[in-house]
Amino acid sequence: MTDPDFWLRRTALLALLPAIRAGRPDGDRLNRYADALVHEQEFFLRKALGWVLRETSTRDPQFVRDWLARHGSRVAPLTRREALRRLTRKEDQDRGQRRRAMRADTPVLPRR
């Protein structure tokens, strides 16, 4: 994470993806890497960080929420948007299912 070549830093971060997808994430390493990259201005690093956080959110959504809350406004909008993409979609789906369930319980009155 300290190499001057941002492509090497990006590669190190993306190397965490196979373990995350296999359900064996290295949380300590992910936390260290993410903390080191939160200030980055390079588009490809911001995108990669969001990507890794998005993949993590499918297995450990609380980790992602906590990390984003801890870093607040220091997180680039691109990174935040990517990290929340699946969390937001899941919450929207849950909200939609609750609405449909509520409508199913409400009798439909005939139109006049």
N, C-alpha and C. Protein backbone atom coordinates (compact mmCIF):
# COMPACT_ATOMS: atom_id res chain seq x y z
N MET A 1 0.80 -1.20 0.00
CA MET A 1 0.00 0.00 0.00
C MET A 1 0.84 1.27 0.00
N THR A 2 2.14 1.14 0.16
CA THR A 2 2.99 2.33 0.16
C THR A 2 3.79 2.48 -1.13
N ASP A 3 3.63 1.56 -2.05
CA ASP A 3 4.37 1.64 -3.31
C ASP A 3 3.91 2.87 -4.09
N PRO A 4 4.82 3.59 -4.72
CA PRO A 4 4.42 4.76 -5.49
C PRO A 4 3.59 4.43 -6.74
N ASP A 5 3.68 3.22 -7.23
CA ASP A 5 2.92 2.80 -8.40
C ASP A 5 1.49 2.42 -7.98
N PHE A 6 0.53 3.23 -8.40
CA PHE A 6 -0.84 2.97 -7.96
C PHE A 6 -1.38 1.66 -8.52
N TRP A 7 -0.86 1.20 -9.66
CA TRP A 7 -1.31 -0.09 -10.20
C TRP A 7 -0.93 -1.25 -9.28
N LEU A 8 0.20 -1.16 -8.64
CA LEU A 8 0.59 -2.20 -7.67
C LEU A 8 -0.30 -2.15 -6.44
N ARG A 9 -0.62 -0.96 -5.98
CA ARG A 9 -1.53 -0.83 -4.83
C ARG A 9 -2.91 -1.37 -5.18
N ARG A 10 -3.36 -1.07 -6.38
CA ARG A 10 -4.67 -1.57 -6.83
C ARG A 10 -4.65 -3.09 -6.92
N THR A 11 -3.59 -3.65 -7.47
CA THR A 11 -3.48 -5.10 -7.59
C THR A 11 -3.48 -5.78 -6.22
N ALA A 12 -2.77 -5.20 -5.27
CA ALA A 12 -2.75 -5.76 -3.91
C ALA A 12 -4.15 -5.76 -3.31
N LEU A 13 -4.89 -4.70 -3.54
CA LEU A 13 -6.26 -4.62 -3.02
C LEU A 13 -7.16 -5.65 -3.70
N LEU A 14 -7.08 -5.73 -5.02
CA LEU A 14 -7.93 -6.67 -5.76
C LEU A 14 -7.56 -8.12 -5.50
N ALA A 15 -6.35 -8.36 -5.03
CA ALA A 15 -5.94 -9.73 -4.69
C ALA A 15 -6.75 -10.29 -3.52
N LEU A 16 -7.44 -9.43 -2.81
CA LEU A 16 -8.29 -9.88 -1.70
C LEU A 16 -9.61 -10.48 -2.19
N LEU A 17 -9.99 -10.20 -3.42
CA LEU A 17 -11.30 -10.63 -3.92
C LEU A 17 -11.54 -12.14 -3.92
N PRO A 18 -10.60 -12.98 -4.35
CA PRO A 18 -10.90 -14.42 -4.34
C PRO A 18 -11.27 -14.95 -2.95
N ALA A 19 -10.58 -14.52 -1.93
CA ALA A 19 -10.90 -14.98 -0.58
C ALA A 19 -12.25 -14.43 -0.11
N ILE A 20 -12.54 -13.19 -0.47
CA ILE A 20 -13.83 -12.60 -0.10
C ILE A 20 -14.95 -13.40 -0.75
N ARG A 21 -14.80 -13.68 -2.03
CA ARG A 21 -15.84 -14.43 -2.77
C ARG A 21 -15.98 -15.86 -2.27
N ALA A 22 -14.89 -16.42 -1.76
CA ALA A 22 -14.93 -17.79 -1.23
C ALA A 22 -15.48 -17.83 0.20
N GLY A 23 -15.76 -16.67 0.76
CA GLY A 23 -16.29 -16.62 2.12
C GLY A 23 -15.23 -16.68 3.19
N ARG A 24 -13.97 -16.44 2.82
CA ARG A 24 -12.87 -16.45 3.78
C ARG A 24 -12.08 -15.13 3.70
N PRO A 25 -12.76 -14.00 3.92
CA PRO A 25 -12.05 -12.72 3.78
C PRO A 25 -11.02 -12.51 4.88
N ASP A 26 -9.96 -11.82 4.53
CA ASP A 26 -8.95 -11.42 5.50
C ASP A 26 -9.34 -10.02 5.97
N GLY A 27 -10.18 -9.97 6.97
CA GLY A 27 -10.73 -8.71 7.45
C GLY A 27 -9.69 -7.71 7.93
N ASP A 28 -8.67 -8.21 8.61
CA ASP A 28 -7.62 -7.31 9.09
C ASP A 28 -6.88 -6.65 7.93
N ARG A 29 -6.53 -7.45 6.95
CA ARG A 29 -5.82 -6.91 5.78
C ARG A 29 -6.72 -5.96 5.00
N LEU A 30 -7.96 -6.33 4.81
CA LEU A 30 -8.90 -5.46 4.10
C LEU A 30 -9.04 -4.13 4.83
N ASN A 31 -9.16 -4.18 6.13
CA ASN A 31 -9.28 -2.95 6.92
C ASN A 31 -8.03 -2.07 6.76
N ARG A 32 -6.85 -2.67 6.85
CA ARG A 32 -5.59 -1.92 6.68
C ARG A 32 -5.49 -1.29 5.30
N TYR A 33 -5.80 -2.08 4.28
CA TYR A 33 -5.70 -1.58 2.91
C TYR A 33 -6.72 -0.47 2.67
N ALA A 34 -7.94 -0.70 3.10
CA ALA A 34 -8.99 0.30 2.89
C ALA A 34 -8.66 1.60 3.62
N ASP A 35 -8.17 1.48 4.85
CA ASP A 35 -7.78 2.68 5.61
C ASP A 35 -6.65 3.43 4.90
N ALA A 36 -5.72 2.69 4.31
CA ALA A 36 -4.60 3.33 3.62
C ALA A 36 -5.03 4.02 2.33
N LEU A 37 -6.12 3.55 1.71
CA LEU A 37 -6.54 4.08 0.42
C LEU A 37 -7.68 5.08 0.49
N VAL A 38 -8.23 5.31 1.65
CA VAL A 38 -9.41 6.17 1.75
C VAL A 38 -9.15 7.58 1.24
N HIS A 39 -7.93 8.06 1.31
CA HIS A 39 -7.61 9.43 0.90
C HIS A 39 -7.23 9.53 -0.58
N GLU A 40 -7.12 8.42 -1.29
CA GLU A 40 -6.63 8.41 -2.67
C GLU A 40 -7.48 9.26 -3.61
N GLN A 41 -6.83 9.90 -4.54
CA GLN A 41 -7.50 10.69 -5.56
C GLN A 41 -7.56 9.97 -6.90
N GLU A 42 -6.78 8.92 -7.05
CA GLU A 42 -6.72 8.16 -8.30
C GLU A 42 -8.03 7.41 -8.54
N PHE A 43 -8.66 7.64 -9.68
CA PHE A 43 -9.93 7.02 -10.02
C PHE A 43 -9.89 5.50 -9.88
N PHE A 44 -8.87 4.87 -10.44
CA PHE A 44 -8.81 3.40 -10.45
C PHE A 44 -8.68 2.82 -9.05
N LEU A 45 -8.07 3.54 -8.14
CA LEU A 45 -7.99 3.07 -6.74
C LEU A 45 -9.33 3.26 -6.04
N ARG A 46 -9.97 4.37 -6.27
CA ARG A 46 -11.30 4.60 -5.67
C ARG A 46 -12.29 3.54 -6.13
N LYS A 47 -12.26 3.27 -7.43
CA LYS A 47 -13.17 2.28 -8.01
C LYS A 47 -12.87 0.89 -7.44
N ALA A 48 -11.61 0.52 -7.36
CA ALA A 48 -11.23 -0.79 -6.83
C ALA A 48 -11.63 -0.93 -5.37
N LEU A 49 -11.45 0.12 -4.59
CA LEU A 49 -11.83 0.07 -3.18
C LEU A 49 -13.34 -0.13 -3.05
N GLY A 50 -14.10 0.59 -3.85
CA GLY A 50 -15.56 0.40 -3.83
C GLY A 50 -15.95 -0.99 -4.25
N TRP A 51 -15.24 -1.52 -5.23
CA TRP A 51 -15.51 -2.86 -5.73
C TRP A 51 -15.27 -3.91 -4.64
N VAL A 52 -14.15 -3.80 -3.96
CA VAL A 52 -13.83 -4.76 -2.90
C VAL A 52 -14.83 -4.63 -1.74
N LEU A 53 -15.20 -3.42 -1.40
CA LEU A 53 -16.19 -3.23 -0.34
C LEU A 53 -17.55 -3.76 -0.77
N ARG A 54 -17.92 -3.58 -2.03
CA ARG A 54 -19.19 -4.11 -2.53
C ARG A 54 -19.22 -5.62 -2.43
N GLU A 55 -18.14 -6.29 -2.82
CA GLU A 55 -18.07 -7.75 -2.70
C GLU A 55 -18.14 -8.17 -1.23
N THR A 56 -17.49 -7.42 -0.37
CA THR A 56 -17.52 -7.72 1.07
C THR A 56 -18.93 -7.57 1.62
N SER A 57 -19.69 -6.61 1.10
CA SER A 57 -21.03 -6.35 1.63
C SER A 57 -21.98 -7.52 1.45
N THR A 58 -21.70 -8.41 0.50
CA THR A 58 -22.59 -9.55 0.30
C THR A 58 -22.43 -10.58 1.41
N ARG A 59 -21.28 -10.58 2.07
CA ARG A 59 -21.04 -11.55 3.14
C ARG A 59 -20.97 -10.92 4.52
N ASP A 60 -20.54 -9.68 4.58
CA ASP A 60 -20.39 -8.99 5.86
C ASP A 60 -20.83 -7.53 5.72
N PRO A 61 -22.14 -7.31 5.57
CA PRO A 61 -22.62 -5.95 5.34
C PRO A 61 -22.30 -5.01 6.50
N GLN A 62 -22.25 -5.53 7.70
CA GLN A 62 -21.98 -4.67 8.85
C GLN A 62 -20.55 -4.12 8.81
N PHE A 63 -19.60 -4.92 8.35
CA PHE A 63 -18.22 -4.44 8.19
C PHE A 63 -18.20 -3.21 7.29
N VAL A 64 -18.89 -3.30 6.16
CA VAL A 64 -18.90 -2.20 5.18
C VAL A 64 -19.58 -0.98 5.77
N ARG A 65 -20.73 -1.17 6.40
CA ARG A 65 -21.43 -0.03 7.02
C ARG A 65 -20.55 0.64 8.08
N ASP A 66 -19.92 -0.16 8.92
CA ASP A 66 -19.05 0.39 9.97
C ASP A 66 -17.87 1.13 9.38
N TRP A 67 -17.25 0.56 8.36
CA TRP A 67 -16.09 1.21 7.75
C TRP A 67 -16.49 2.54 7.12
N LEU A 68 -17.60 2.56 6.40
CA LEU A 68 -18.05 3.80 5.78
C LEU A 68 -18.41 4.85 6.84
N ALA A 69 -19.06 4.42 7.91
CA ALA A 69 -19.41 5.36 8.97
C ALA A 69 -18.17 5.92 9.66
N ARG A 70 -17.19 5.07 9.86
CA ARG A 70 -15.96 5.50 10.54
C ARG A 70 -15.20 6.55 9.72
N HIS A 71 -15.25 6.43 8.41
CA HIS A 71 -14.49 7.34 7.56
C HIS A 71 -15.32 8.52 7.04
N GLY A 72 -16.61 8.44 7.16
CA GLY A 72 -17.49 9.55 6.83
C GLY A 72 -17.22 10.21 5.49
N SER A 73 -17.07 11.52 5.52
CA SER A 73 -16.95 12.30 4.29
C SER A 73 -15.60 12.15 3.61
N ARG A 74 -14.66 11.47 4.24
CA ARG A 74 -13.36 11.24 3.59
C ARG A 74 -13.46 10.21 2.47
N VAL A 75 -14.53 9.44 2.46
CA VAL A 75 -14.72 8.42 1.42
C VAL A 75 -15.22 9.12 0.16
N ALA A 76 -14.55 8.87 -0.95
CA ALA A 76 -14.95 9.46 -2.23
C ALA A 76 -16.36 9.00 -2.60
N PRO A 77 -17.15 9.87 -3.20
CA PRO A 77 -18.51 9.48 -3.60
C PRO A 77 -18.55 8.23 -4.47
N LEU A 78 -17.60 8.08 -5.38
CA LEU A 78 -17.53 6.88 -6.22
C LEU A 78 -17.36 5.62 -5.37
N THR A 79 -16.46 5.67 -4.43
CA THR A 79 -16.20 4.52 -3.55
C THR A 79 -17.44 4.20 -2.73
N ARG A 80 -18.07 5.21 -2.16
CA ARG A 80 -19.28 5.01 -1.34
C ARG A 80 -20.40 4.41 -2.18
N ARG A 81 -20.60 4.95 -3.38
CA ARG A 81 -21.67 4.47 -4.25
C ARG A 81 -21.45 2.99 -4.60
N GLU A 82 -20.22 2.64 -4.95
CA GLU A 82 -19.92 1.24 -5.28
C GLU A 82 -20.10 0.33 -4.06
N ALA A 83 -19.63 0.79 -2.91
CA ALA A 83 -19.71 -0.03 -1.70
C ALA A 83 -21.16 -0.29 -1.28
N LEU A 84 -22.01 0.68 -1.51
CA LEU A 84 -23.41 0.57 -1.07
C LEU A 84 -24.33 -0.03 -2.12
N ARG A 85 -23.81 -0.25 -3.31
CA ARG A 85 -24.68 -0.68 -4.41
C ARG A 85 -25.53 -1.90 -4.05
N ARG A 86 -24.96 -2.94 -3.54
CA ARG A 86 -25.74 -4.15 -3.21
C ARG A 86 -26.49 -4.00 -1.90
N LEU A 87 -25.95 -3.25 -0.98
CA LEU A 87 -26.67 -3.04 0.28
C LEU A 87 -27.95 -2.26 0.02
N THR A 88 -27.85 -1.23 -0.76
CA THR A 88 -29.02 -0.41 -1.06
C THR A 88 -30.05 -1.21 -1.83
N ARG A 89 -29.61 -1.97 -2.81
CA ARG A 89 -30.53 -2.77 -3.60
C ARG A 89 -31.26 -3.77 -2.71
N LYS A 90 -30.54 -4.42 -1.80
CA LYS A 90 -31.14 -5.39 -0.89
C LYS A 90 -32.16 -4.71 0.00
N GLU A 91 -31.82 -3.55 0.55
CA GLU A 91 -32.76 -2.84 1.40
C GLU A 91 -33.98 -2.41 0.62
N ASP A 92 -33.78 -1.96 -0.63
CA ASP A 92 -34.92 -1.59 -1.48
C ASP A 92 -35.80 -2.78 -1.76
N GLN A 93 -35.19 -3.95 -2.03
CA GLN A 93 -35.97 -5.16 -2.28
C GLN A 93 -36.78 -5.54 -1.04
N ASP A 94 -36.15 -5.47 0.13
CA ASP A 94 -36.86 -5.79 1.37
C ASP A 94 -38.03 -4.83 1.58
N ARG A 95 -37.80 -3.56 1.30
CA ARG A 95 -38.86 -2.56 1.46
C ARG A 95 -40.00 -2.86 0.50
N GLY A 96 -39.67 -3.22 -0.75
CA GLY A 96 -40.69 -3.56 -1.73
C GLY A 96 -41.49 -4.80 -1.33
N GLN A 97 -40.81 -5.78 -0.77
CA GLN A 97 -41.51 -6.99 -0.32
C GLN A 97 -42.45 -6.67 0.83
N ARG A 98 -42.03 -5.80 1.74
CA ARG A 98 -42.92 -5.41 2.85
C ARG A 98 -44.15 -4.68 2.32
N ARG A 99 -43.95 -3.78 1.35
CA ARG A 99 -45.08 -3.05 0.77
C ARG A 99 -46.05 -4.01 0.09
N ARG A 100 -45.52 -4.96 -0.68
CA ARG A 100 -46.39 -5.93 -1.35
C ARG A 100 -47.14 -6.78 -0.34
N ALA A 101 -46.48 -7.16 0.74
CA ALA A 101 -47.13 -7.95 1.78
C ALA A 101 -48.25 -7.15 2.44
N MET A 102 -48.01 -5.87 2.66
CA MET A 102 -49.04 -5.02 3.27
C MET A 102 -50.23 -4.89 2.33
N ARG A 103 -49.96 -4.73 1.03
CA ARG A 103 -51.06 -4.62 0.06
C ARG A 103 -51.84 -5.93 -0.02
N ALA A 104 -51.16 -7.05 0.11
CA ALA A 104 -51.85 -8.34 0.03
C ALA A 104 -52.81 -8.52 1.20
N ASP A 105 -52.47 -7.92 2.35
CA ASP A 105 -53.34 -8.02 3.52
C ASP A 105 -54.51 -7.05 3.46
N THR A 106 -54.43 -6.04 2.64
CA THR A 106 -55.48 -5.04 2.52
C THR A 106 -56.45 -5.45 1.45
N PRO A 107 -57.74 -5.52 1.79
CA PRO A 107 -58.71 -5.93 0.77
C PRO A 107 -58.81 -4.87 -0.33
N VAL A 108 -58.97 -5.32 -1.53
CA VAL A 108 -59.11 -4.40 -2.66
C VAL A 108 -60.59 -4.15 -2.86
N LEU A 109 -60.95 -2.87 -2.80
CA LEU A 109 -62.36 -2.50 -2.99
C LEU A 109 -62.66 -2.37 -4.47
N PRO A 110 -63.83 -2.78 -4.87
CA PRO A 110 -64.16 -2.66 -6.29
C PRO A 110 -64.31 -1.20 -6.69
N ARG A 111 -63.95 -0.88 -7.92
CA ARG A 111 -64.09 0.49 -8.43
C ARG A 111 -65.54 0.74 -8.79
N ARG A 112 -65.96 1.98 -8.66
CA ARG A 112 -67.34 2.34 -9.04
C ARG A 112 -67.37 2.86 -10.44
